[in-house]
Amino acid sequence: DEATSQVIFAFSIGIFFCGLFLRTGNILSSILIHSAFNFAFGTEILE
């Protein structure tokens, strides 16, 4: 159940990142925003 929730979120955000990659023509924008998401969620858990 927990994994499925994460899979649905990852699918949704994956579409967003693909769109961002295609719109900007640069993969770096997707990488930076994805990293910011992971950092934000990770620091919240660590706190």
ModelCIF file with pLDDT and N, C-alpha, C, O atoms, coordinates in Angstrom:
data_MODEL
#
_entry.id   MODEL 
#
_entity.id                         1 
_entity.type                       polymer 
_entity.pdbx_number_of_molecules   1 
#
_entity_poly.entity_id                      1 
_entity_poly.type                           'polypeptide(L)' 
_entity_poly.nstd_linkage                   no 
_entity_poly.nstd_monomer                   no 
_entity_poly.pdbx_seq_one_letter_code       DEATSQVIFAFSIGIFFCGLFLRTGNILSSILIHSAFNFAFGTEILE 
_entity_poly.pdbx_seq_one_letter_code_can   DEATSQVIFAFSIGIFFCGLFLRTGNILSSILIHSAFNFAFGTEILE 
_entity_poly.pdbx_strand_id                 A 
#
loop_
_entity_poly_seq.entity_id 
_entity_poly_seq.num 
_entity_poly_seq.mon_id 
_entity_poly_seq.hetero 
1 1  ASP n 
1 2  GLU n 
1 3  ALA n 
1 4  THR n 
1 5  SER n 
1 6  GLN n 
1 7  VAL n 
1 8  ILE n 
1 9  PHE n 
1 10 ALA n 
1 11 PHE n 
1 12 SER n 
1 13 ILE n 
1 14 GLY n 
1 15 ILE n 
1 16 PHE n 
1 17 PHE n 
1 18 CYS n 
1 19 GLY n 
1 20 LEU n 
1 21 PHE n 
1 22 LEU n 
1 23 ARG n 
1 24 THR n 
1 25 GLY n 
1 26 ASN n 
1 27 ILE n 
1 28 LEU n 
1 29 SER n 
1 30 SER n 
1 31 ILE n 
1 32 LEU n 
1 33 ILE n 
1 34 HIS n 
1 35 SER n 
1 36 ALA n 
1 37 PHE n 
1 38 ASN n 
1 39 PHE n 
1 40 ALA n 
1 41 PHE n 
1 42 GLY n 
1 43 THR n 
1 44 GLU n 
1 45 ILE n 
1 46 LEU n 
1 47 GLU n 
#
_struct_asym.id          A 
_struct_asym.entity_id   1 
#
loop_
_ma_qa_metric.id 
_ma_qa_metric.mode 
_ma_qa_metric.name 
_ma_qa_metric.software_group_id 
_ma_qa_metric.type 
1 global pLDDT . pLDDT 
2 local  pLDDT . pLDDT 
#
_ma_qa_metric_global.metric_id      1 
_ma_qa_metric_global.metric_value   84.19 
_ma_qa_metric_global.model_id       1 
_ma_qa_metric_global.ordinal_id     1 
#
loop_
_ma_qa_metric_local.label_asym_id 
_ma_qa_metric_local.label_comp_id 
_ma_qa_metric_local.label_seq_id 
_ma_qa_metric_local.metric_id 
_ma_qa_metric_local.metric_value 
_ma_qa_metric_local.model_id 
_ma_qa_metric_local.ordinal_id 
A ASP 1  2 81.00 1 1  
A GLU 2  2 79.00 1 2  
A ALA 3  2 83.00 1 3  
A THR 4  2 86.00 1 4  
A SER 5  2 84.00 1 5  
A GLN 6  2 85.00 1 6  
A VAL 7  2 90.00 1 7  
A ILE 8  2 91.00 1 8  
A PHE 9  2 88.00 1 9  
A ALA 10 2 90.00 1 10 
A PHE 11 2 94.00 1 11 
A SER 12 2 94.00 1 12 
A ILE 13 2 92.00 1 13 
A GLY 14 2 93.00 1 14 
A ILE 15 2 95.00 1 15 
A PHE 16 2 95.00 1 16 
A PHE 17 2 93.00 1 17 
A CYS 18 2 93.00 1 18 
A GLY 19 2 93.00 1 19 
A LEU 20 2 93.00 1 20 
A PHE 21 2 91.00 1 21 
A LEU 22 2 90.00 1 22 
A ARG 23 2 91.00 1 23 
A THR 24 2 89.00 1 24 
A GLY 25 2 85.00 1 25 
A ASN 26 2 86.00 1 26 
A ILE 27 2 88.00 1 27 
A LEU 28 2 91.00 1 28 
A SER 29 2 89.00 1 29 
A SER 30 2 88.00 1 30 
A ILE 31 2 89.00 1 31 
A LEU 32 2 91.00 1 32 
A ILE 33 2 89.00 1 33 
A HIS 34 2 84.00 1 34 
A SER 35 2 86.00 1 35 
A ALA 36 2 87.00 1 36 
A PHE 37 2 80.00 1 37 
A ASN 38 2 77.00 1 38 
A PHE 39 2 79.00 1 39 
A ALA 40 2 75.00 1 40 
A PHE 41 2 71.00 1 41 
A GLY 42 2 66.00 1 42 
A THR 43 2 64.00 1 43 
A GLU 44 2 62.00 1 44 
A ILE 45 2 59.00 1 45 
A LEU 46 2 56.00 1 46 
A GLU 47 2 62.00 1 47 
#
loop_
_atom_site.group_PDB 
_atom_site.id 
_atom_site.type_symbol 
_atom_site.label_atom_id 
_atom_site.label_alt_id 
_atom_site.label_comp_id 
_atom_site.label_asym_id 
_atom_site.label_entity_id 
_atom_site.label_seq_id 
_atom_site.pdbx_PDB_ins_code 
_atom_site.Cartn_x 
_atom_site.Cartn_y 
_atom_site.Cartn_z 
_atom_site.occupancy 
_atom_site.B_iso_or_equiv 
_atom_site.pdbx_formal_charge 
_atom_site.auth_seq_id 
_atom_site.auth_comp_id 
_atom_site.auth_asym_id 
_atom_site.auth_atom_id 
_atom_site.pdbx_PDB_model_num 
ATOM 1   N N  . ASP A 1 1  ? 0.827  -1.211 0.000   1.00 81.00 ? 1  ASP A N  1 
ATOM 2   C CA . ASP A 1 1  ? 0.000  0.000  0.000   1.00 81.00 ? 1  ASP A CA 1 
ATOM 3   C C  . ASP A 1 1  ? 0.861  1.261  0.000   1.00 81.00 ? 1  ASP A C  1 
ATOM 4   O O  . ASP A 1 1  ? 0.605  2.195  -0.760  1.00 81.00 ? 1  ASP A O  1 
ATOM 5   N N  . GLU A 1 2  ? 1.876  1.282  0.852   1.00 79.00 ? 2  GLU A N  1 
ATOM 6   C CA . GLU A 1 2  ? 2.762  2.450  0.914   1.00 79.00 ? 2  GLU A CA 1 
ATOM 7   C C  . GLU A 1 2  ? 3.519  2.627  -0.397  1.00 79.00 ? 2  GLU A C  1 
ATOM 8   O O  . GLU A 1 2  ? 3.671  3.741  -0.898  1.00 79.00 ? 2  GLU A O  1 
ATOM 9   N N  . ALA A 1 3  ? 3.991  1.506  -0.942  1.00 83.00 ? 3  ALA A N  1 
ATOM 10  C CA . ALA A 1 3  ? 4.733  1.566  -2.203  1.00 83.00 ? 3  ALA A CA 1 
ATOM 11  C C  . ALA A 1 3  ? 3.831  2.035  -3.346  1.00 83.00 ? 3  ALA A C  1 
ATOM 12  O O  . ALA A 1 3  ? 4.259  2.815  -4.196  1.00 83.00 ? 3  ALA A O  1 
ATOM 13  N N  . THR A 1 4  ? 2.597  1.563  -3.364  1.00 86.00 ? 4  THR A N  1 
ATOM 14  C CA . THR A 1 4  ? 1.674  1.963  -4.428  1.00 86.00 ? 4  THR A CA 1 
ATOM 15  C C  . THR A 1 4  ? 1.407  3.461  -4.371  1.00 86.00 ? 4  THR A C  1 
ATOM 16  O O  . THR A 1 4  ? 1.331  4.124  -5.406  1.00 86.00 ? 4  THR A O  1 
ATOM 17  N N  . SER A 1 5  ? 1.266  3.989  -3.169  1.00 84.00 ? 5  SER A N  1 
ATOM 18  C CA . SER A 1 5  ? 1.094  5.434  -3.022  1.00 84.00 ? 5  SER A CA 1 
ATOM 19  C C  . SER A 1 5  ? 2.295  6.181  -3.604  1.00 84.00 ? 5  SER A C  1 
ATOM 20  O O  . SER A 1 5  ? 2.141  7.180  -4.307  1.00 84.00 ? 5  SER A O  1 
ATOM 21  N N  . GLN A 1 6  ? 3.490  5.679  -3.299  1.00 85.00 ? 6  GLN A N  1 
ATOM 22  C CA . GLN A 1 6  ? 4.698  6.310  -3.826  1.00 85.00 ? 6  GLN A CA 1 
ATOM 23  C C  . GLN A 1 6  ? 4.801  6.137  -5.343  1.00 85.00 ? 6  GLN A C  1 
ATOM 24  O O  . GLN A 1 6  ? 5.258  7.046  -6.035  1.00 85.00 ? 6  GLN A O  1 
ATOM 25  N N  . VAL A 1 7  ? 4.388  4.998  -5.861  1.00 90.00 ? 7  VAL A N  1 
ATOM 26  C CA . VAL A 1 7  ? 4.421  4.738  -7.303  1.00 90.00 ? 7  VAL A CA 1 
ATOM 27  C C  . VAL A 1 7  ? 3.504  5.719  -8.032  1.00 90.00 ? 7  VAL A C  1 
ATOM 28  O O  . VAL A 1 7  ? 3.882  6.259  -9.072  1.00 90.00 ? 7  VAL A O  1 
ATOM 29  N N  . ILE A 1 8  ? 2.319  5.949  -7.506  1.00 91.00 ? 8  ILE A N  1 
ATOM 30  C CA . ILE A 1 8  ? 1.376  6.885  -8.137  1.00 91.00 ? 8  ILE A CA 1 
ATOM 31  C C  . ILE A 1 8  ? 1.953  8.296  -8.130  1.00 91.00 ? 8  ILE A C  1 
ATOM 32  O O  . ILE A 1 8  ? 1.859  9.011  -9.128  1.00 91.00 ? 8  ILE A O  1 
ATOM 33  N N  . PHE A 1 9  ? 2.549  8.698  -7.012  1.00 88.00 ? 9  PHE A N  1 
ATOM 34  C CA . PHE A 1 9  ? 3.173  10.019 -6.955  1.00 88.00 ? 9  PHE A CA 1 
ATOM 35  C C  . PHE A 1 9  ? 4.330  10.105 -7.945  1.00 88.00 ? 9  PHE A C  1 
ATOM 36  O O  . PHE A 1 9  ? 4.458  11.093 -8.667  1.00 88.00 ? 9  PHE A O  1 
ATOM 37  N N  . ALA A 1 10 ? 5.175  9.070  -7.980  1.00 90.00 ? 10 ALA A N  1 
ATOM 38  C CA . ALA A 1 10 ? 6.335  9.075  -8.884  1.00 90.00 ? 10 ALA A CA 1 
ATOM 39  C C  . ALA A 1 10 ? 5.888  9.105  -10.345 1.00 90.00 ? 10 ALA A C  1 
ATOM 40  O O  . ALA A 1 10 ? 6.513  9.779  -11.163 1.00 90.00 ? 10 ALA A O  1 
ATOM 41  N N  . PHE A 1 11 ? 4.824  8.393  -10.680 1.00 94.00 ? 11 PHE A N  1 
ATOM 42  C CA . PHE A 1 11 ? 4.287  8.439  -12.043 1.00 94.00 ? 11 PHE A CA 1 
ATOM 43  C C  . PHE A 1 11 ? 3.842  9.855  -12.394 1.00 94.00 ? 11 PHE A C  1 
ATOM 44  O O  . PHE A 1 11 ? 4.172  10.369 -13.462 1.00 94.00 ? 11 PHE A O  1 
ATOM 45  N N  . SER A 1 12 ? 3.097  10.478 -11.497 1.00 94.00 ? 12 SER A N  1 
ATOM 46  C CA . SER A 1 12 ? 2.593  11.835 -11.725 1.00 94.00 ? 12 SER A CA 1 
ATOM 47  C C  . SER A 1 12 ? 3.736  12.826 -11.897 1.00 94.00 ? 12 SER A C  1 
ATOM 48  O O  . SER A 1 12 ? 3.750  13.616 -12.841 1.00 94.00 ? 12 SER A O  1 
ATOM 49  N N  . ILE A 1 13 ? 4.685  12.776 -10.986 1.00 92.00 ? 13 ILE A N  1 
ATOM 50  C CA . ILE A 1 13 ? 5.799  13.717 -11.043 1.00 92.00 ? 13 ILE A CA 1 
ATOM 51  C C  . ILE A 1 13 ? 6.709  13.387 -12.223 1.00 92.00 ? 13 ILE A C  1 
ATOM 52  O O  . ILE A 1 13 ? 7.367  14.272 -12.770 1.00 92.00 ? 13 ILE A O  1 
ATOM 53  N N  . GLY A 1 14 ? 6.747  12.116 -12.616 1.00 93.00 ? 14 GLY A N  1 
ATOM 54  C CA . GLY A 1 14 ? 7.512  11.714 -13.801 1.00 93.00 ? 14 GLY A CA 1 
ATOM 55  C C  . GLY A 1 14 ? 6.983  12.379 -15.059 1.00 93.00 ? 14 GLY A C  1 
ATOM 56  O O  . GLY A 1 14 ? 7.761  12.813 -15.909 1.00 93.00 ? 14 GLY A O  1 
ATOM 57  N N  . ILE A 1 15 ? 5.668  12.462 -15.183 1.00 95.00 ? 15 ILE A N  1 
ATOM 58  C CA . ILE A 1 15 ? 5.071  13.152 -16.337 1.00 95.00 ? 15 ILE A CA 1 
ATOM 59  C C  . ILE A 1 15 ? 5.464  14.629 -16.307 1.00 95.00 ? 15 ILE A C  1 
ATOM 60  O O  . ILE A 1 15 ? 5.795  15.214 -17.338 1.00 95.00 ? 15 ILE A O  1 
ATOM 61  N N  . PHE A 1 16 ? 5.424  15.221 -15.118 1.00 95.00 ? 16 PHE A N  1 
ATOM 62  C CA . PHE A 1 16 ? 5.825  16.621 -14.981 1.00 95.00 ? 16 PHE A CA 1 
ATOM 63  C C  . PHE A 1 16 ? 7.278  16.813 -15.417 1.00 95.00 ? 16 PHE A C  1 
ATOM 64  O O  . PHE A 1 16 ? 7.580  17.729 -16.182 1.00 95.00 ? 16 PHE A O  1 
ATOM 65  N N  . PHE A 1 17 ? 8.178  15.954 -14.932 1.00 93.00 ? 17 PHE A N  1 
ATOM 66  C CA . PHE A 1 17 ? 9.596  16.087 -15.270 1.00 93.00 ? 17 PHE A CA 1 
ATOM 67  C C  . PHE A 1 17 ? 9.858  15.847 -16.759 1.00 93.00 ? 17 PHE A C  1 
ATOM 68  O O  . PHE A 1 17 ? 10.716 16.503 -17.350 1.00 93.00 ? 17 PHE A O  1 
ATOM 69  N N  . CYS A 1 18 ? 9.129  14.918 -17.360 1.00 93.00 ? 18 CYS A N  1 
ATOM 70  C CA . CYS A 1 18 ? 9.258  14.706 -18.808 1.00 93.00 ? 18 CYS A CA 1 
ATOM 71  C C  . CYS A 1 18 ? 8.827  15.961 -19.567 1.00 93.00 ? 18 CYS A C  1 
ATOM 72  O O  . CYS A 1 18 ? 9.497  16.398 -20.503 1.00 93.00 ? 18 CYS A O  1 
ATOM 73  N N  . GLY A 1 19 ? 7.704  16.527 -19.148 1.00 93.00 ? 19 GLY A N  1 
ATOM 74  C CA . GLY A 1 19 ? 7.230  17.758 -19.785 1.00 93.00 ? 19 GLY A CA 1 
ATOM 75  C C  . GLY A 1 19 ? 8.225  18.886 -19.624 1.00 93.00 ? 19 GLY A C  1 
ATOM 76  O O  . GLY A 1 19 ? 8.468  19.643 -20.564 1.00 93.00 ? 19 GLY A O  1 
ATOM 77  N N  . LEU A 1 20 ? 8.800  19.003 -18.448 1.00 93.00 ? 20 LEU A N  1 
ATOM 78  C CA . LEU A 1 20 ? 9.802  20.036 -18.194 1.00 93.00 ? 20 LEU A CA 1 
ATOM 79  C C  . LEU A 1 20 ? 11.029 19.827 -19.070 1.00 93.00 ? 20 LEU A C  1 
ATOM 80  O O  . LEU A 1 20 ? 11.560 20.781 -19.637 1.00 93.00 ? 20 LEU A O  1 
ATOM 81  N N  . PHE A 1 21 ? 11.473 18.598 -19.178 1.00 91.00 ? 21 PHE A N  1 
ATOM 82  C CA . PHE A 1 21 ? 12.616 18.257 -20.020 1.00 91.00 ? 21 PHE A CA 1 
ATOM 83  C C  . PHE A 1 21 ? 12.343 18.628 -21.474 1.00 91.00 ? 21 PHE A C  1 
ATOM 84  O O  . PHE A 1 21 ? 13.191 19.232 -22.130 1.00 91.00 ? 21 PHE A O  1 
ATOM 85  N N  . LEU A 1 22 ? 11.172 18.272 -21.975 1.00 90.00 ? 22 LEU A N  1 
ATOM 86  C CA . LEU A 1 22 ? 10.840 18.583 -23.367 1.00 90.00 ? 22 LEU A CA 1 
ATOM 87  C C  . LEU A 1 22 ? 10.638 20.079 -23.583 1.00 90.00 ? 22 LEU A C  1 
ATOM 88  O O  . LEU A 1 22 ? 11.046 20.626 -24.608 1.00 90.00 ? 22 LEU A O  1 
ATOM 89  N N  . ARG A 1 23 ? 10.016 20.729 -22.625 1.00 91.00 ? 23 ARG A N  1 
ATOM 90  C CA . ARG A 1 23 ? 9.727  22.169 -22.763 1.00 91.00 ? 23 ARG A CA 1 
ATOM 91  C C  . ARG A 1 23 ? 11.002 23.006 -22.737 1.00 91.00 ? 23 ARG A C  1 
ATOM 92  O O  . ARG A 1 23 ? 11.153 23.948 -23.516 1.00 91.00 ? 23 ARG A O  1 
ATOM 93  N N  . THR A 1 24 ? 11.917 22.656 -21.836 1.00 89.00 ? 24 THR A N  1 
ATOM 94  C CA . THR A 1 24 ? 13.149 23.439 -21.725 1.00 89.00 ? 24 THR A CA 1 
ATOM 95  C C  . THR A 1 24 ? 14.220 22.953 -22.684 1.00 89.00 ? 24 THR A C  1 
ATOM 96  O O  . THR A 1 24 ? 15.141 23.701 -23.014 1.00 89.00 ? 24 THR A O  1 
ATOM 97  N N  . GLY A 1 25 ? 14.114 21.708 -23.137 1.00 85.00 ? 25 GLY A N  1 
ATOM 98  C CA . GLY A 1 25 ? 15.140 21.142 -23.996 1.00 85.00 ? 25 GLY A CA 1 
ATOM 99  C C  . GLY A 1 25 ? 16.421 20.818 -23.240 1.00 85.00 ? 25 GLY A C  1 
ATOM 100 O O  . GLY A 1 25 ? 17.468 20.586 -23.844 1.00 85.00 ? 25 GLY A O  1 
ATOM 101 N N  . ASN A 1 26 ? 16.328 20.804 -21.913 1.00 86.00 ? 26 ASN A N  1 
ATOM 102 C CA . ASN A 1 26 ? 17.511 20.620 -21.088 1.00 86.00 ? 26 ASN A CA 1 
ATOM 103 C C  . ASN A 1 26 ? 17.164 19.694 -19.925 1.00 86.00 ? 26 ASN A C  1 
ATOM 104 O O  . ASN A 1 26 ? 16.230 19.961 -19.169 1.00 86.00 ? 26 ASN A O  1 
ATOM 105 N N  . ILE A 1 27 ? 17.906 18.625 -19.787 1.00 88.00 ? 27 ILE A N  1 
ATOM 106 C CA . ILE A 1 27 ? 17.634 17.664 -18.714 1.00 88.00 ? 27 ILE A CA 1 
ATOM 107 C C  . ILE A 1 27 ? 18.041 18.198 -17.348 1.00 88.00 ? 27 ILE A C  1 
ATOM 108 O O  . ILE A 1 27 ? 17.557 17.720 -16.322 1.00 88.00 ? 27 ILE A O  1 
ATOM 109 N N  . LEU A 1 28 ? 18.919 19.177 -17.334 1.00 91.00 ? 28 LEU A N  1 
ATOM 110 C CA . LEU A 1 28 ? 19.415 19.721 -16.073 1.00 91.00 ? 28 LEU A CA 1 
ATOM 111 C C  . LEU A 1 28 ? 18.285 20.292 -15.213 1.00 91.00 ? 28 LEU A C  1 
ATOM 112 O O  . LEU A 1 28 ? 18.320 20.167 -13.989 1.00 91.00 ? 28 LEU A O  1 
ATOM 113 N N  . SER A 1 29 ? 17.294 20.912 -15.833 1.00 89.00 ? 29 SER A N  1 
ATOM 114 C CA . SER A 1 29 ? 16.175 21.476 -15.070 1.00 89.00 ? 29 SER A CA 1 
ATOM 115 C C  . SER A 1 29 ? 15.420 20.379 -14.313 1.00 89.00 ? 29 SER A C  1 
ATOM 116 O O  . SER A 1 29 ? 15.061 20.563 -13.150 1.00 89.00 ? 29 SER A O  1 
ATOM 117 N N  . SER A 1 30 ? 15.181 19.244 -14.968 1.00 88.00 ? 30 SER A N  1 
ATOM 118 C CA . SER A 1 30 ? 14.506 18.119 -14.308 1.00 88.00 ? 30 SER A CA 1 
ATOM 119 C C  . SER A 1 30 ? 15.363 17.557 -13.180 1.00 88.00 ? 30 SER A C  1 
ATOM 120 O O  . SER A 1 30 ? 14.852 17.234 -12.108 1.00 88.00 ? 30 SER A O  1 
ATOM 121 N N  . ILE A 1 31 ? 16.646 17.442 -13.421 1.00 89.00 ? 31 ILE A N  1 
ATOM 122 C CA . ILE A 1 31 ? 17.553 16.897 -12.410 1.00 89.00 ? 31 ILE A CA 1 
ATOM 123 C C  . ILE A 1 31 ? 17.578 17.793 -11.176 1.00 89.00 ? 31 ILE A C  1 
ATOM 124 O O  . ILE A 1 31 ? 17.509 17.304 -10.048 1.00 89.00 ? 31 ILE A O  1 
ATOM 125 N N  . LEU A 1 32 ? 17.675 19.095 -11.389 1.00 91.00 ? 32 LEU A N  1 
ATOM 126 C CA . LEU A 1 32 ? 17.750 20.033 -10.263 1.00 91.00 ? 32 LEU A CA 1 
ATOM 127 C C  . LEU A 1 32 ? 16.468 20.036 -9.427  1.00 91.00 ? 32 LEU A C  1 
ATOM 128 O O  . LEU A 1 32 ? 16.527 20.028 -8.197  1.00 91.00 ? 32 LEU A O  1 
ATOM 129 N N  . ILE A 1 33 ? 15.323 20.049 -10.089 1.00 89.00 ? 33 ILE A N  1 
ATOM 130 C CA . ILE A 1 33 ? 14.056 20.067 -9.353  1.00 89.00 ? 33 ILE A CA 1 
ATOM 131 C C  . ILE A 1 33 ? 13.829 18.736 -8.640  1.00 89.00 ? 33 ILE A C  1 
ATOM 132 O O  . ILE A 1 33 ? 13.357 18.714 -7.503  1.00 89.00 ? 33 ILE A O  1 
ATOM 133 N N  . HIS A 1 34 ? 14.163 17.631 -9.298  1.00 84.00 ? 34 HIS A N  1 
ATOM 134 C CA . HIS A 1 34 ? 14.032 16.322 -8.656  1.00 84.00 ? 34 HIS A CA 1 
ATOM 135 C C  . HIS A 1 34 ? 14.938 16.255 -7.425  1.00 84.00 ? 34 HIS A C  1 
ATOM 136 O O  . HIS A 1 34 ? 14.529 15.750 -6.379  1.00 84.00 ? 34 HIS A O  1 
ATOM 137 N N  . SER A 1 35 ? 16.141 16.752 -7.548  1.00 86.00 ? 35 SER A N  1 
ATOM 138 C CA . SER A 1 35 ? 17.074 16.783 -6.415  1.00 86.00 ? 35 SER A CA 1 
ATOM 139 C C  . SER A 1 35 ? 16.526 17.640 -5.282  1.00 86.00 ? 35 SER A C  1 
ATOM 140 O O  . SER A 1 35 ? 16.651 17.281 -4.112  1.00 86.00 ? 35 SER A O  1 
ATOM 141 N N  . ALA A 1 36 ? 15.923 18.766 -5.625  1.00 87.00 ? 36 ALA A N  1 
ATOM 142 C CA . ALA A 1 36 ? 15.338 19.643 -4.602  1.00 87.00 ? 36 ALA A CA 1 
ATOM 143 C C  . ALA A 1 36 ? 14.199 18.934 -3.873  1.00 87.00 ? 36 ALA A C  1 
ATOM 144 O O  . ALA A 1 36 ? 14.082 19.051 -2.653  1.00 87.00 ? 36 ALA A O  1 
ATOM 145 N N  . PHE A 1 37 ? 13.353 18.196 -4.610  1.00 80.00 ? 37 PHE A N  1 
ATOM 146 C CA . PHE A 1 37 ? 12.279 17.412 -3.982  1.00 80.00 ? 37 PHE A CA 1 
ATOM 147 C C  . PHE A 1 37 ? 12.869 16.409 -3.003  1.00 80.00 ? 37 PHE A C  1 
ATOM 148 O O  . PHE A 1 37 ? 12.455 16.340 -1.846  1.00 80.00 ? 37 PHE A O  1 
ATOM 149 N N  . ASN A 1 38 ? 13.843 15.630 -3.475  1.00 77.00 ? 38 ASN A N  1 
ATOM 150 C CA . ASN A 1 38 ? 14.448 14.607 -2.619  1.00 77.00 ? 38 ASN A CA 1 
ATOM 151 C C  . ASN A 1 38 ? 15.103 15.234 -1.394  1.00 77.00 ? 38 ASN A C  1 
ATOM 152 O O  . ASN A 1 38 ? 14.995 14.700 -0.290  1.00 77.00 ? 38 ASN A O  1 
ATOM 153 N N  . PHE A 1 39 ? 15.779 16.360 -1.582  1.00 79.00 ? 39 PHE A N  1 
ATOM 154 C CA . PHE A 1 39 ? 16.433 17.038 -0.472  1.00 79.00 ? 39 PHE A CA 1 
ATOM 155 C C  . PHE A 1 39 ? 15.391 17.532 0.536   1.00 79.00 ? 39 PHE A C  1 
ATOM 156 O O  . PHE A 1 39 ? 15.560 17.366 1.744   1.00 79.00 ? 39 PHE A O  1 
ATOM 157 N N  . ALA A 1 40 ? 14.325 18.131 0.035   1.00 75.00 ? 40 ALA A N  1 
ATOM 158 C CA . ALA A 1 40 ? 13.287 18.670 0.921   1.00 75.00 ? 40 ALA A CA 1 
ATOM 159 C C  . ALA A 1 40 ? 12.639 17.561 1.739   1.00 75.00 ? 40 ALA A C  1 
ATOM 160 O O  . ALA A 1 40 ? 12.482 17.694 2.952   1.00 75.00 ? 40 ALA A O  1 
ATOM 161 N N  . PHE A 1 41 ? 12.262 16.469 1.082   1.00 71.00 ? 41 PHE A N  1 
ATOM 162 C CA . PHE A 1 41 ? 11.640 15.366 1.807   1.00 71.00 ? 41 PHE A CA 1 
ATOM 163 C C  . PHE A 1 41 ? 12.638 14.703 2.739   1.00 71.00 ? 41 PHE A C  1 
ATOM 164 O O  . PHE A 1 41 ? 12.284 14.321 3.855   1.00 71.00 ? 41 PHE A O  1 
ATOM 165 N N  . GLY A 1 42 ? 13.873 14.562 2.300   1.00 66.00 ? 42 GLY A N  1 
ATOM 166 C CA . GLY A 1 42 ? 14.904 13.929 3.124   1.00 66.00 ? 42 GLY A CA 1 
ATOM 167 C C  . GLY A 1 42 ? 15.239 14.729 4.361   1.00 66.00 ? 42 GLY A C  1 
ATOM 168 O O  . GLY A 1 42 ? 15.388 14.161 5.443   1.00 66.00 ? 42 GLY A O  1 
ATOM 169 N N  . THR A 1 43 ? 15.363 16.047 4.222   1.00 64.00 ? 43 THR A N  1 
ATOM 170 C CA . THR A 1 43 ? 15.693 16.865 5.391   1.00 64.00 ? 43 THR A CA 1 
ATOM 171 C C  . THR A 1 43 ? 14.538 16.916 6.380   1.00 64.00 ? 43 THR A C  1 
ATOM 172 O O  . THR A 1 43 ? 14.761 17.014 7.587   1.00 64.00 ? 43 THR A O  1 
ATOM 173 N N  . GLU A 1 44 ? 13.319 16.853 5.887   1.00 62.00 ? 44 GLU A N  1 
ATOM 174 C CA . GLU A 1 44 ? 12.160 16.826 6.789   1.00 62.00 ? 44 GLU A CA 1 
ATOM 175 C C  . GLU A 1 44 ? 12.184 15.556 7.638   1.00 62.00 ? 44 GLU A C  1 
ATOM 176 O O  . GLU A 1 44 ? 11.947 15.604 8.845   1.00 62.00 ? 44 GLU A O  1 
ATOM 177 N N  . ILE A 1 45 ? 12.464 14.446 7.014   1.00 59.00 ? 45 ILE A N  1 
ATOM 178 C CA . ILE A 1 45 ? 12.523 13.170 7.739   1.00 59.00 ? 45 ILE A CA 1 
ATOM 179 C C  . ILE A 1 45 ? 13.676 13.175 8.730   1.00 59.00 ? 45 ILE A C  1 
ATOM 180 O O  . ILE A 1 45 ? 13.515 12.741 9.870   1.00 59.00 ? 45 ILE A O  1 
ATOM 181 N N  . LEU A 1 46 ? 14.845 13.665 8.303   1.00 56.00 ? 46 LEU A N  1 
ATOM 182 C CA . LEU A 1 46 ? 16.000 13.717 9.199   1.00 56.00 ? 46 LEU A CA 1 
ATOM 183 C C  . LEU A 1 46 ? 15.735 14.618 10.402  1.00 56.00 ? 46 LEU A C  1 
ATOM 184 O O  . LEU A 1 46 ? 16.159 14.308 11.515  1.00 56.00 ? 46 LEU A O  1 
ATOM 185 N N  . GLU A 1 47 ? 15.041 15.723 10.184  1.00 62.00 ? 47 GLU A N  1 
ATOM 186 C CA . GLU A 1 47 ? 14.712 16.635 11.291  1.00 62.00 ? 47 GLU A CA 1 
ATOM 187 C C  . GLU A 1 47 ? 13.807 15.945 12.307  1.00 62.00 ? 47 GLU A C  1 
ATOM 188 O O  . GLU A 1 47 ? 13.424 16.554 13.307  1.00 62.00 ? 47 GLU A O  1 
#
